[in-house]
Amino acid sequence: MQTDGTMLITNNIDACIPFYSTLLDTSAELGAGWAQFALGDGTIVALHTPWEEGMTTHGGSHVLLLRVDSLSEQTARLRAAGLDVSEPHDIPGGAVVSLTDPDGRTVQLIERSETSS
């Protein structure tokens, strides 16, 4: 098996689409109650409105981790686009910055050190 993508459930899709479009630097493929963003590795990040009662639609226990080649370049790009990005901090095997999406979910961009995989 391998990861096909990540789906985020939201009641706030109209605010999440531009956020993720800016974050991922790509446009969304749109459908009724959903949007998806193709990533360069063939996977997707998808947004979807709830299809069952009780589905979690806000941040808390999940963090979307996105690996980037240059944390400084992505941080500068996102700040220039008006997104609030934390200062970078070191973690085992790399460095990370955090953002919060319109639903309150944490998104982290991680740059791995060359010796990590």
C-alpha atoms as a PDB file:
ATOM      1  CA  MET A   1       0.000   0.000   0.000  1.00  0.00           C
ATOM      2  CA  GLN A   2       0.910   3.617  -0.378  1.00  0.00           C
ATOM      3  CA  THR A   3      -0.778   6.866   0.477  1.00  0.00           C
ATOM      4  CA  ASP A   4      -3.173   8.141  -2.194  1.00  0.00           C
ATOM      5  CA  GLY A   5      -3.871  11.377  -0.381  1.00  0.00           C
ATOM      6  CA  THR A   6      -5.489  13.042   2.585  1.00  0.00           C
ATOM      7  CA  MET A   7      -9.127  14.120   2.899  1.00  0.00           C
ATOM      8  CA  LEU A   8     -10.095  16.887   5.291  1.00  0.00           C
ATOM      9  CA  ILE A   9     -13.742  17.202   6.313  1.00  0.00           C
ATOM     10  CA  THR A  10     -15.005  20.785   6.501  1.00  0.00           C
ATOM     11  CA  ASN A  11     -18.168  22.842   6.889  1.00  0.00           C
ATOM     12  CA  ASN A  12     -16.118  25.834   5.788  1.00  0.00           C
ATOM     13  CA  ILE A  13     -15.152  24.750   2.278  1.00  0.00           C
ATOM     14  CA  ASP A  14     -15.453  28.272   0.803  1.00  0.00           C
ATOM     15  CA  ALA A  15     -12.724  29.535   3.156  1.00  0.00           C
ATOM     16  CA  CYS A  16     -10.615  26.375   2.977  1.00  0.00           C
ATOM     17  CA  ILE A  17     -10.336  26.291  -0.835  1.00  0.00           C
ATOM     18  CA  PRO A  18      -8.357  29.556  -1.152  1.00  0.00           C
ATOM     19  CA  PHE A  19      -6.261  28.702   1.922  1.00  0.00           C
ATOM     20  CA  TYR A  20      -5.193  25.323   0.532  1.00  0.00           C
ATOM     21  CA  SER A  21      -4.799  26.693  -2.978  1.00  0.00           C
ATOM     22  CA  THR A  22      -2.322  29.241  -1.609  1.00  0.00           C
ATOM     23  CA  LEU A  23      -0.648  26.754   0.739  1.00  0.00           C
ATOM     24  CA  LEU A  24      -0.204  24.072  -1.916  1.00  0.00           C
ATOM     25  CA  ASP A  25       0.481  26.576  -4.728  1.00  0.00           C
ATOM     26  CA  THR A  26      -2.009  24.915  -7.051  1.00  0.00           C
ATOM     27  CA  SER A  27      -5.610  25.303  -8.139  1.00  0.00           C
ATOM     28  CA  ALA A  28      -8.408  23.046  -7.004  1.00  0.00           C
ATOM     29  CA  GLU A  29     -10.451  20.594  -8.995  1.00  0.00           C
ATOM     30  CA  LEU A  30     -13.980  21.347  -7.787  1.00  0.00           C
ATOM     31  CA  GLY A  31     -17.108  19.278  -7.405  1.00  0.00           C
ATOM     32  CA  ALA A  32     -20.379  19.431  -5.477  1.00  0.00           C
ATOM     33  CA  GLY A  33     -19.269  19.612  -1.830  1.00  0.00           C
ATOM     34  CA  TRP A  34     -15.624  18.798  -2.497  1.00  0.00           C
ATOM     35  CA  ALA A  35     -12.337  20.095  -3.849  1.00  0.00           C
ATOM     36  CA  GLN A  36      -9.045  18.378  -4.448  1.00  0.00           C
ATOM     37  CA  PHE A  37      -5.510  19.568  -5.016  1.00  0.00           C
ATOM     38  CA  ALA A  38      -3.017  17.431  -6.921  1.00  0.00           C
ATOM     39  CA  LEU A  39       0.472  17.334  -5.442  1.00  0.00           C
ATOM     40  CA  GLY A  40       3.643  16.833  -7.448  1.00  0.00           C
ATOM     41  CA  ASP A  41       4.141  13.281  -6.173  1.00  0.00           C
ATOM     42  CA  GLY A  42       0.798  12.066  -7.553  1.00  0.00           C
ATOM     43  CA  THR A  43      -1.060  12.249  -4.236  1.00  0.00           C
ATOM     44  CA  ILE A  44      -3.880  14.661  -3.384  1.00  0.00           C
ATOM     45  CA  VAL A  45      -5.129  16.808  -0.557  1.00  0.00           C
ATOM     46  CA  ALA A  46      -8.927  16.828  -0.678  1.00  0.00           C
ATOM     47  CA  LEU A  47     -11.597  18.844   1.098  1.00  0.00           C
ATOM     48  CA  HIS A  48     -15.091  17.456   1.536  1.00  0.00           C
ATOM     49  CA  THR A  49     -18.238  18.529   3.305  1.00  0.00           C
ATOM     50  CA  PRO A  50     -19.579  15.998   5.830  1.00  0.00           C
ATOM     51  CA  TRP A  51     -21.619  13.153   4.319  1.00  0.00           C
ATOM     52  CA  GLU A  52     -22.527  11.603   7.681  1.00  0.00           C
ATOM     53  CA  GLU A  53     -23.754  13.235  10.852  1.00  0.00           C
ATOM     54  CA  GLY A  54     -21.092  13.730  13.488  1.00  0.00           C
ATOM     55  CA  MET A  55     -18.075  13.883  11.180  1.00  0.00           C
ATOM     56  CA  THR A  56     -15.313  16.053  12.670  1.00  0.00           C
ATOM     57  CA  THR A  57     -14.991  19.306  10.780  1.00  0.00           C
ATOM     58  CA  HIS A  58     -12.565  21.281  12.905  1.00  0.00           C
ATOM     59  CA  GLY A  59      -8.985  21.139  14.075  1.00  0.00           C
ATOM     60  CA  GLY A  60      -7.699  19.347  17.087  1.00  0.00           C
ATOM     61  CA  SER A  61      -6.318  15.846  16.961  1.00  0.00           C
ATOM     62  CA  HIS A  62      -4.975  15.806  13.385  1.00  0.00           C
ATOM     63  CA  VAL A  63      -1.976  17.578  11.868  1.00  0.00           C
ATOM     64  CA  LEU A  64      -1.360  17.661   8.119  1.00  0.00           C
ATOM     65  CA  LEU A  65       2.387  17.271   7.498  1.00  0.00           C
ATOM     66  CA  LEU A  66       3.750  18.410   4.155  1.00  0.00           C
ATOM     67  CA  ARG A  67       7.396  17.879   3.232  1.00  0.00           C
ATOM     68  CA  VAL A  68       9.083  20.737   1.359  1.00  0.00           C
ATOM     69  CA  ASP A  69      12.506  21.144  -0.222  1.00  0.00           C
ATOM     70  CA  SER A  70      13.090  24.629   1.189  1.00  0.00           C
ATOM     71  CA  LEU A  71      11.348  25.725   4.358  1.00  0.00           C
ATOM     72  CA  SER A  72      12.676  29.278   4.026  1.00  0.00           C
ATOM     73  CA  GLU A  73      11.388  29.656   0.439  1.00  0.00           C
ATOM     74  CA  GLN A  74       7.940  28.259   1.284  1.00  0.00           C
ATOM     75  CA  THR A  75       7.683  30.377   4.438  1.00  0.00           C
ATOM     76  CA  ALA A  76       8.557  33.531   2.480  1.00  0.00           C
ATOM     77  CA  ARG A  77       6.049  32.655  -0.280  1.00  0.00           C
ATOM     78  CA  LEU A  78       3.223  31.983   2.168  1.00  0.00           C
ATOM     79  CA  ARG A  79       3.896  35.103   4.236  1.00  0.00           C
ATOM     80  CA  ALA A  80       3.962  37.194   1.059  1.00  0.00           C
ATOM     81  CA  ALA A  81       0.544  35.711   0.218  1.00  0.00           C
ATOM     82  CA  GLY A  82      -0.771  36.846   3.613  1.00  0.00           C
ATOM     83  CA  LEU A  83      -0.747  33.564   5.531  1.00  0.00           C
ATOM     84  CA  ASP A  84       0.349  33.497   9.167  1.00  0.00           C
ATOM     85  CA  VAL A  85       3.327  31.133   9.413  1.00  0.00           C
ATOM     86  CA  SER A  86       5.202  30.366  12.633  1.00  0.00           C
ATOM     87  CA  GLU A  87       8.923  30.792  13.023  1.00  0.00           C
ATOM     88  CA  PRO A  88      10.810  27.614  12.126  1.00  0.00           C
ATOM     89  CA  HIS A  89      12.011  25.318  14.843  1.00  0.00           C
ATOM     90  CA  ASP A  90      14.249  22.281  14.790  1.00  0.00           C
ATOM     91  CA  ILE A  91      12.882  18.796  15.222  1.00  0.00           C
ATOM     92  CA  PRO A  92      14.682  15.449  15.054  1.00  0.00           C
ATOM     93  CA  GLY A  93      15.737  15.078  11.427  1.00  0.00           C
ATOM     94  CA  GLY A  94      14.808  18.542  10.223  1.00  0.00           C
ATOM     95  CA  ALA A  95      12.913  21.751  10.836  1.00  0.00           C
ATOM     96  CA  VAL A  96       9.229  22.678  10.786  1.00  0.00           C
ATOM     97  CA  VAL A  97       6.858  25.658  10.586  1.00  0.00           C
ATOM     98  CA  SER A  98       3.163  25.648  11.485  1.00  0.00           C
ATOM     99  CA  LEU A  99       0.043  27.264  10.050  1.00  0.00           C
ATOM    100  CA  THR A 100      -3.615  27.051  11.031  1.00  0.00           C
ATOM    101  CA  ASP A 101      -6.291  26.493   8.390  1.00  0.00           C
ATOM    102  CA  PRO A 102      -9.740  28.177   8.492  1.00  0.00           C
ATOM    103  CA  ASP A 103     -11.146  25.207  10.459  1.00  0.00           C
ATOM    104  CA  GLY A 104      -8.454  25.480  13.131  1.00  0.00           C
ATOM    105  CA  ARG A 105      -6.464  22.472  11.882  1.00  0.00           C
ATOM    106  CA  THR A 106      -2.704  22.611  12.247  1.00  0.00           C
ATOM    107  CA  VAL A 107      -0.682  22.248   9.069  1.00  0.00           C
ATOM    108  CA  GLN A 108       3.060  21.809   9.305  1.00  0.00           C
ATOM    109  CA  LEU A 109       5.658  22.185   6.598  1.00  0.00           C
ATOM    110  CA  ILE A 110       8.741  20.100   7.253  1.00  0.00           C
ATOM    111  CA  GLU A 111      12.163  20.231   5.668  1.00  0.00           C
ATOM    112  CA  ARG A 112      14.143  17.081   6.370  1.00  0.00           C
ATOM    113  CA  SER A 113      17.889  17.315   6.834  1.00  0.00           C
ATOM    114  CA  GLU A 114      19.868  15.659   4.073  1.00  0.00           C
ATOM    115  CA  THR A 115      20.866  12.796   6.344  1.00  0.00           C
ATOM    116  CA  SER A 116      17.176  11.956   7.111  1.00  0.00           C
ATOM    117  CA  SER A 117      14.672  10.227   4.899  1.00  0.00           C
END
